[in-house]
PDB file of N, CA and C in Angstrom:
ATOM      1  N   MET A   1     -37.114  63.926  33.877  1.00  0.00           N
ATOM      2  CA  MET A   1     -37.749  64.658  34.969  1.00  0.00           C
ATOM      3  C   MET A   1     -37.293  66.104  34.912  1.00  0.00           C
ATOM      4  N   THR A   2     -38.200  66.984  35.050  1.00  0.00           N
ATOM      5  CA  THR A   2     -37.861  68.390  35.136  1.00  0.00           C
ATOM      6  C   THR A   2     -38.193  68.863  36.536  1.00  0.00           C
ATOM      7  N   ASP A   3     -37.190  69.374  37.227  1.00  0.00           N
ATOM      8  CA  ASP A   3     -37.408  69.885  38.572  1.00  0.00           C
ATOM      9  C   ASP A   3     -37.889  71.316  38.437  1.00  0.00           C
ATOM     10  N   ASN A   4     -39.086  71.585  38.885  1.00  0.00           N
ATOM     11  CA  ASN A   4     -39.682  72.901  38.718  1.00  0.00           C
ATOM     12  C   ASN A   4     -39.458  73.813  39.907  1.00  0.00           C
ATOM     13  N   SER A   5     -38.488  73.503  40.754  1.00  0.00           N
ATOM     14  CA  SER A   5     -38.191  74.371  41.884  1.00  0.00           C
ATOM     15  C   SER A   5     -37.730  75.722  41.361  1.00  0.00           C
ATOM     16  N   PRO A   6     -38.315  76.789  41.866  1.00  0.00           N
ATOM     17  CA  PRO A   6     -37.934  78.112  41.376  1.00  0.00           C
ATOM     18  C   PRO A   6     -36.469  78.425  41.682  1.00  0.00           C
ATOM     19  N   GLY A   7     -35.814  79.077  40.752  1.00  0.00           N
ATOM     20  CA  GLY A   7     -34.447  79.532  40.963  1.00  0.00           C
ATOM     21  C   GLY A   7     -33.371  78.540  40.580  1.00  0.00           C
ATOM     22  N   LEU A   8     -33.728  77.279  40.301  1.00  0.00           N
ATOM     23  CA  LEU A   8     -32.715  76.313  39.897  1.00  0.00           C
ATOM     24  C   LEU A   8     -32.296  76.580  38.463  1.00  0.00           C
ATOM     25  N   GLU A   9     -30.989  76.625  38.256  1.00  0.00           N
ATOM     26  CA  GLU A   9     -30.455  76.836  36.907  1.00  0.00           C
ATOM     27  C   GLU A   9     -30.016  75.487  36.351  1.00  0.00           C
ATOM     28  N   PRO A  10     -30.650  75.004  35.272  1.00  0.00           N
ATOM     29  CA  PRO A  10     -30.282  73.708  34.713  1.00  0.00           C
ATOM     30  C   PRO A  10     -28.878  73.742  34.109  1.00  0.00           C
ATOM     31  N   VAL A  11     -28.119  72.665  34.338  1.00  0.00           N
ATOM     32  CA  VAL A  11     -26.767  72.548  33.811  1.00  0.00           C
ATOM     33  C   VAL A  11     -26.682  71.388  32.826  1.00  0.00           C
ATOM     34  N   ALA A  12     -27.209  70.219  33.207  1.00  0.00           N
ATOM     35  CA  ALA A  12     -27.113  69.038  32.345  1.00  0.00           C
ATOM     36  C   ALA A  12     -28.259  68.083  32.629  1.00  0.00           C
ATOM     37  N   THR A  13     -28.656  67.346  31.591  1.00  0.00           N
ATOM     38  CA  THR A  13     -29.606  66.251  31.712  1.00  0.00           C
ATOM     39  C   THR A  13     -28.879  64.989  31.299  1.00  0.00           C
ATOM     40  N   PHE A  14     -28.955  63.963  32.133  1.00  0.00           N
ATOM     41  CA  PHE A  14     -28.257  62.718  31.860  1.00  0.00           C
ATOM     42  C   PHE A  14     -29.243  61.736  31.248  1.00  0.00           C
ATOM     43  N   CYS A  15     -28.947  61.261  30.104  1.00  0.00           N
ATOM     44  CA  CYS A  15     -29.770  60.384  29.275  1.00  0.00           C
ATOM     45  C   CYS A  15     -30.530  61.273  28.305  1.00  0.00           C
ATOM     46  N   GLY A  16     -31.723  61.671  28.649  1.00  0.00           N
ATOM     47  CA  GLY A  16     -32.483  62.570  27.786  1.00  0.00           C
ATOM     48  C   GLY A  16     -33.058  61.916  26.552  1.00  0.00           C
ATOM     49  N   ASN A  17     -32.905  60.599  26.415  1.00  0.00           N
ATOM     50  CA  ASN A  17     -33.376  59.898  25.220  1.00  0.00           C
ATOM     51  C   ASN A  17     -34.703  59.189  25.450  1.00  0.00           C
ATOM     52  N   CYS A  18     -35.386  59.531  26.510  1.00  0.00           N
ATOM     53  CA  CYS A  18     -36.628  58.841  26.823  1.00  0.00           C
ATOM     54  C   CYS A  18     -37.581  59.815  27.502  1.00  0.00           C
ATOM     55  N   ASN A  19     -38.754  59.344  27.787  1.00  0.00           N
ATOM     56  CA  ASN A  19     -39.744  60.162  28.482  1.00  0.00           C
ATOM     57  C   ASN A  19     -39.989  59.671  29.897  1.00  0.00           C
ATOM     58  N   CYS A  20     -39.029  58.906  30.444  1.00  0.00           N
ATOM     59  CA  CYS A  20     -39.227  58.334  31.776  1.00  0.00           C
ATOM     60  C   CYS A  20     -38.784  59.279  32.881  1.00  0.00           C
ATOM     61  N   GLY A  21     -38.192  60.378  32.532  1.00  0.00           N
ATOM     62  CA  GLY A  21     -37.651  61.278  33.537  1.00  0.00           C
ATOM     63  C   GLY A  21     -36.192  60.957  33.744  1.00  0.00           C
ATOM     64  N   CYS A  22     -35.346  61.869  33.492  1.00  0.00           N
ATOM     65  CA  CYS A  22     -33.910  61.611  33.534  1.00  0.00           C
ATOM     66  C   CYS A  22     -33.261  62.392  34.671  1.00  0.00           C
ATOM     67  N   PRO A  23     -32.170  61.858  35.218  1.00  0.00           N
ATOM     68  CA  PRO A  23     -31.433  62.619  36.228  1.00  0.00           C
ATOM     69  C   PRO A  23     -30.967  63.953  35.645  1.00  0.00           C
ATOM     70  N   GLN A  24     -30.952  64.970  36.486  1.00  0.00           N
ATOM     71  CA  GLN A  24     -30.543  66.298  36.045  1.00  0.00           C
ATOM     72  C   GLN A  24     -29.613  66.941  37.064  1.00  0.00           C
ATOM     73  N   LEU A  25     -28.800  67.855  36.576  1.00  0.00           N
ATOM     74  CA  LEU A  25     -27.876  68.626  37.401  1.00  0.00           C
ATOM     75  C   LEU A  25     -28.282  70.088  37.332  1.00  0.00           C
ATOM     76  N   PHE A  26     -28.379  70.717  38.506  1.00  0.00           N
ATOM     77  CA  PHE A  26     -28.762  72.124  38.606  1.00  0.00           C
ATOM     78  C   PHE A  26     -27.794  72.860  39.524  1.00  0.00           C
ATOM     79  N   VAL A  27     -27.777  74.179  39.390  1.00  0.00           N
ATOM     80  CA  VAL A  27     -27.142  75.059  40.365  1.00  0.00           C
ATOM     81  C   VAL A  27     -28.260  75.883  40.981  1.00  0.00           C
ATOM     82  N   ASP A  28     -28.245  75.966  42.310  1.00  0.00           N
ATOM     83  CA  ASP A  28     -29.219  76.783  43.034  1.00  0.00           C
ATOM     84  C   ASP A  28     -28.468  77.964  43.639  1.00  0.00           C
ATOM     85  N   PRO A  29     -28.413  79.090  42.932  1.00  0.00           N
ATOM     86  CA  PRO A  29     -27.634  80.227  43.415  1.00  0.00           C
ATOM     87  C   PRO A  29     -28.157  80.818  44.724  1.00  0.00           C
ATOM     88  N   ALA A  30     -29.407  80.535  45.080  1.00  0.00           N
ATOM     89  CA  ALA A  30     -29.977  81.078  46.314  1.00  0.00           C
ATOM     90  C   ALA A  30     -29.712  80.180  47.523  1.00  0.00           C
ATOM     91  N   ALA A  31     -29.223  78.974  47.289  1.00  0.00           N
ATOM     92  CA  ALA A  31     -28.991  78.031  48.399  1.00  0.00           C
ATOM     93  C   ALA A  31     -27.712  78.383  49.144  1.00  0.00           C
ATOM     94  N   GLU A  32     -27.612  77.842  50.358  1.00  0.00           N
ATOM     95  CA  GLU A  32     -26.373  77.993  51.115  1.00  0.00           C
ATOM     96  C   GLU A  32     -25.248  77.332  50.323  1.00  0.00           C
ATOM     97  N   GLU A  33     -24.023  77.812  50.519  1.00  0.00           N
ATOM     98  CA  GLU A  33     -22.892  77.308  49.741  1.00  0.00           C
ATOM     99  C   GLU A  33     -22.745  75.798  49.796  1.00  0.00           C
ATOM    100  N   ASP A  34     -23.021  75.200  50.936  1.00  0.00           N
ATOM    101  CA  ASP A  34     -22.817  73.758  51.066  1.00  0.00           C
ATOM    102  C   ASP A  34     -23.963  72.936  50.470  1.00  0.00           C
ATOM    103  N   ARG A  35     -24.940  73.614  49.846  1.00  0.00           N
ATOM    104  CA  ARG A  35     -26.082  72.921  49.232  1.00  0.00           C
ATOM    105  C   ARG A  35     -26.399  73.474  47.839  1.00  0.00           C
ATOM    106  N   ARG A  36     -25.457  74.143  47.229  1.00  0.00           N
ATOM    107  CA  ARG A  36     -25.702  74.868  45.981  1.00  0.00           C
ATOM    108  C   ARG A  36     -25.877  73.974  44.753  1.00  0.00           C
ATOM    109  N   ILE A  37     -25.193  72.831  44.707  1.00  0.00           N
ATOM    110  CA  ILE A  37     -25.304  71.927  43.564  1.00  0.00           C
ATOM    111  C   ILE A  37     -26.418  70.932  43.856  1.00  0.00           C
ATOM    112  N   VAL A  38     -27.328  70.748  42.897  1.00  0.00           N
ATOM    113  CA  VAL A  38     -28.485  69.875  43.084  1.00  0.00           C
ATOM    114  C   VAL A  38     -28.500  68.837  41.967  1.00  0.00           C
ATOM    115  N   ILE A  39     -28.573  67.571  42.362  1.00  0.00           N
ATOM    116  CA  ILE A  39     -28.733  66.492  41.394  1.00  0.00           C
ATOM    117  C   ILE A  39     -30.058  65.816  41.699  1.00  0.00           C
ATOM    118  N   THR A  40     -30.921  65.723  40.693  1.00  0.00           N
ATOM    119  CA  THR A  40     -32.201  65.049  40.855  1.00  0.00           C
ATOM    120  C   THR A  40     -32.139  63.710  40.131  1.00  0.00           C
ATOM    121  N   ASP A  41     -32.922  62.744  40.618  1.00  0.00           N
ATOM    122  CA  ASP A  41     -32.994  61.471  39.901  1.00  0.00           C
ATOM    123  C   ASP A  41     -34.384  61.300  39.305  1.00  0.00           C
ATOM    124  N   ASP A  42     -34.575  60.197  38.609  1.00  0.00           N
ATOM    125  CA  ASP A  42     -35.848  59.984  37.925  1.00  0.00           C
ATOM    126  C   ASP A  42     -36.947  59.477  38.859  1.00  0.00           C
ATOM    127  N   PHE A  43     -36.669  59.406  40.167  1.00  0.00           N
ATOM    128  CA  PHE A  43     -37.671  59.014  41.146  1.00  0.00           C
ATOM    129  C   PHE A  43     -38.127  60.194  42.001  1.00  0.00           C
ATOM    130  N   GLY A  44     -37.664  61.397  41.672  1.00  0.00           N
ATOM    131  CA  GLY A  44     -38.068  62.583  42.407  1.00  0.00           C
ATOM    132  C   GLY A  44     -37.196  62.915  43.607  1.00  0.00           C
ATOM    133  N   GLN A  45     -36.135  62.153  43.798  1.00  0.00           N
ATOM    134  CA  GLN A  45     -35.226  62.432  44.904  1.00  0.00           C
ATOM    135  C   GLN A  45     -34.191  63.461  44.467  1.00  0.00           C
ATOM    136  N   ARG A  46     -33.545  64.087  45.444  1.00  0.00           N
ATOM    137  CA  ARG A  46     -32.502  65.050  45.111  1.00  0.00           C
ATOM    138  C   ARG A  46     -31.377  64.998  46.119  1.00  0.00           C
ATOM    139  N   VAL A  47     -30.197  65.284  45.630  1.00  0.00           N
ATOM    140  CA  VAL A  47     -28.990  65.359  46.449  1.00  0.00           C
ATOM    141  C   VAL A  47     -28.467  66.771  46.300  1.00  0.00           C
ATOM    142  N   GLN A  48     -28.095  67.382  47.418  1.00  0.00           N
ATOM    143  CA  GLN A  48     -27.519  68.712  47.369  1.00  0.00           C
ATOM    144  C   GLN A  48     -26.124  68.648  47.967  1.00  0.00           C
ATOM    145  N   MET A  49     -25.193  69.369  47.349  1.00  0.00           N
ATOM    146  CA  MET A  49     -23.811  69.372  47.810  1.00  0.00           C
ATOM    147  C   MET A  49     -23.167  70.703  47.473  1.00  0.00           C
ATOM    148  N   SER A  50     -21.989  70.910  48.027  1.00  0.00           N
ATOM    149  CA  SER A  50     -21.250  72.137  47.732  1.00  0.00           C
ATOM    150  C   SER A  50     -20.566  72.013  46.374  1.00  0.00           C
ATOM    151  N   ALA A  51     -20.152  73.130  45.835  1.00  0.00           N
ATOM    152  CA  ALA A  51     -19.406  73.129  44.570  1.00  0.00           C
ATOM    153  C   ALA A  51     -18.087  72.384  44.739  1.00  0.00           C
ATOM    154  N   ASP A  52     -17.455  72.490  45.905  1.00  0.00           N
ATOM    155  CA  ASP A  52     -16.210  71.758  46.156  1.00  0.00           C
ATOM    156  C   ASP A  52     -16.444  70.252  46.140  1.00  0.00           C
ATOM    157  N   GLN A  53     -17.519  69.797  46.769  1.00  0.00           N
ATOM    158  CA  GLN A  53     -17.833  68.367  46.766  1.00  0.00           C
ATOM    159  C   GLN A  53     -18.095  67.882  45.343  1.00  0.00           C
ATOM    160  N   PHE A  54     -18.824  68.675  44.579  1.00  0.00           N
ATOM    161  CA  PHE A  54     -19.105  68.299  43.195  1.00  0.00           C
ATOM    162  C   PHE A  54     -17.815  68.274  42.373  1.00  0.00           C
ATOM    163  N   ALA A  55     -16.929  69.235  42.605  1.00  0.00           N
ATOM    164  CA  ALA A  55     -15.646  69.257  41.894  1.00  0.00           C
ATOM    165  C   ALA A  55     -14.842  67.992  42.194  1.00  0.00           C
ATOM    166  N   ASN A  56     -14.888  67.517  43.445  1.00  0.00           N
ATOM    167  CA  ASN A  56     -14.209  66.266  43.794  1.00  0.00           C
ATOM    168  C   ASN A  56     -14.823  65.087  43.053  1.00  0.00           C
ATOM    169  N   LEU A  57     -16.139  65.051  42.956  1.00  0.00           N
ATOM    170  CA  LEU A  57     -16.825  63.993  42.236  1.00  0.00           C
ATOM    171  C   LEU A  57     -16.429  63.995  40.756  1.00  0.00           C
ATOM    172  N   VAL A  58     -16.410  65.160  40.151  1.00  0.00           N
ATOM    173  CA  VAL A  58     -16.018  65.281  38.748  1.00  0.00           C
ATOM    174  C   VAL A  58     -14.565  64.851  38.557  1.00  0.00           C
ATOM    175  N   SER A  59     -13.697  65.265  39.461  1.00  0.00           N
ATOM    176  CA  SER A  59     -12.291  64.878  39.389  1.00  0.00           C
ATOM    177  C   SER A  59     -12.132  63.364  39.467  1.00  0.00           C
ATOM    178  N   ASP A  60     -12.848  62.737  40.399  1.00  0.00           N
ATOM    179  CA  ASP A  60     -12.792  61.283  40.525  1.00  0.00           C
ATOM    180  C   ASP A  60     -13.285  60.605  39.250  1.00  0.00           C
ATOM    181  N   ALA A  61     -14.330  61.149  38.661  1.00  0.00           N
ATOM    182  CA  ALA A  61     -14.850  60.575  37.410  1.00  0.00           C
ATOM    183  C   ALA A  61     -13.831  60.710  36.284  1.00  0.00           C
ATOM    184  N   LYS A  62     -13.195  61.862  36.197  1.00  0.00           N
ATOM    185  CA  LYS A  62     -12.211  62.083  35.132  1.00  0.00           C
ATOM    186  C   LYS A  62     -10.995  61.171  35.254  1.00  0.00           C
ATOM    187  N   THR A  63     -10.607  60.837  36.476  1.00  0.00           N
ATOM    188  CA  THR A  63      -9.421  59.995  36.667  1.00  0.00           C
ATOM    189  C   THR A  63      -9.753  58.506  36.648  1.00  0.00           C
ATOM    190  N   GLY A  64     -11.027  58.162  36.458  1.00  0.00           N
ATOM    191  CA  GLY A  64     -11.416  56.766  36.342  1.00  0.00           C
ATOM    192  C   GLY A  64     -11.789  56.089  37.639  1.00  0.00           C
ATOM    193  N   LYS A  65     -11.796  56.821  38.742  1.00  0.00           N
ATOM    194  CA  LYS A  65     -12.107  56.206  40.037  1.00  0.00           C
ATOM    195  C   LYS A  65     -13.538  55.680  40.111  1.00  0.00           C
ATOM    196  N   LEU A  66     -14.421  56.159  39.258  1.00  0.00           N
ATOM    197  CA  LEU A  66     -15.814  55.741  39.304  1.00  0.00           C
ATOM    198  C   LEU A  66     -16.159  54.732  38.199  1.00  0.00           C
ATOM    199  N   ASP A  67     -15.196  54.363  37.393  1.00  0.00           N
ATOM    200  CA  ASP A  67     -15.442  53.460  36.272  1.00  0.00           C
ATOM    201  C   ASP A  67     -16.048  52.125  36.713  1.00  0.00           C
ATOM    202  N   ALA A  68     -15.563  51.585  37.815  1.00  0.00           N
ATOM    203  CA  ALA A  68     -16.068  50.288  38.282  1.00  0.00           C
ATOM    204  C   ALA A  68     -17.556  50.365  38.628  1.00  0.00           C
ATOM    205  N   VAL A  69     -17.997  51.505  39.125  1.00  0.00           N
ATOM    206  CA  VAL A  69     -19.418  51.670  39.445  1.00  0.00           C
ATOM    207  C   VAL A  69     -20.236  51.676  38.171  1.00  0.00           C
ATOM    208  N   ALA A  70     -19.771  52.361  37.149  1.00  0.00           N
ATOM    209  CA  ALA A  70     -20.491  52.429  35.878  1.00  0.00           C
ATOM    210  C   ALA A  70     -20.552  51.056  35.215  1.00  0.00           C
ATOM    211  N   VAL A  71     -19.484  50.295  35.296  1.00  0.00           N
ATOM    212  CA  VAL A  71     -19.446  48.955  34.699  1.00  0.00           C
ATOM    213  C   VAL A  71     -20.376  48.016  35.465  1.00  0.00           C
ATOM    214  N   ALA A  72     -20.379  48.117  36.794  1.00  0.00           N
ATOM    215  CA  ALA A  72     -21.222  47.254  37.608  1.00  0.00           C
ATOM    216  C   ALA A  72     -22.710  47.529  37.350  1.00  0.00           C
ATOM    217  N   ALA A  73     -23.041  48.771  37.034  1.00  0.00           N
ATOM    218  CA  ALA A  73     -24.445  49.142  36.815  1.00  0.00           C
ATOM    219  C   ALA A  73     -24.921  48.770  35.427  1.00  0.00           C
ATOM    220  N   ALA A  74     -24.009  48.500  34.513  1.00  0.00           N
ATOM    221  CA  ALA A  74     -24.389  48.208  33.122  1.00  0.00           C
ATOM    222  C   ALA A  74     -24.946  46.824  32.952  1.00  0.00           C
TER     223      ALA A  74
END
């Protein structure tokens, strides 16, 4: 999935090996600080969060706190 909202800066595409539309990560520099990070899914939904919230999510992923979720989804 490509989010065509103007001003979104693409950061990463998750999966990318298919044509079904993949979750993507964007930065919206024009958004309020608490909504600057945008994650879209392959169903057209989006989540917006602050850079601090996203940093916490990344930190949790790096330390393995989210591993059980990834295993359960597999």
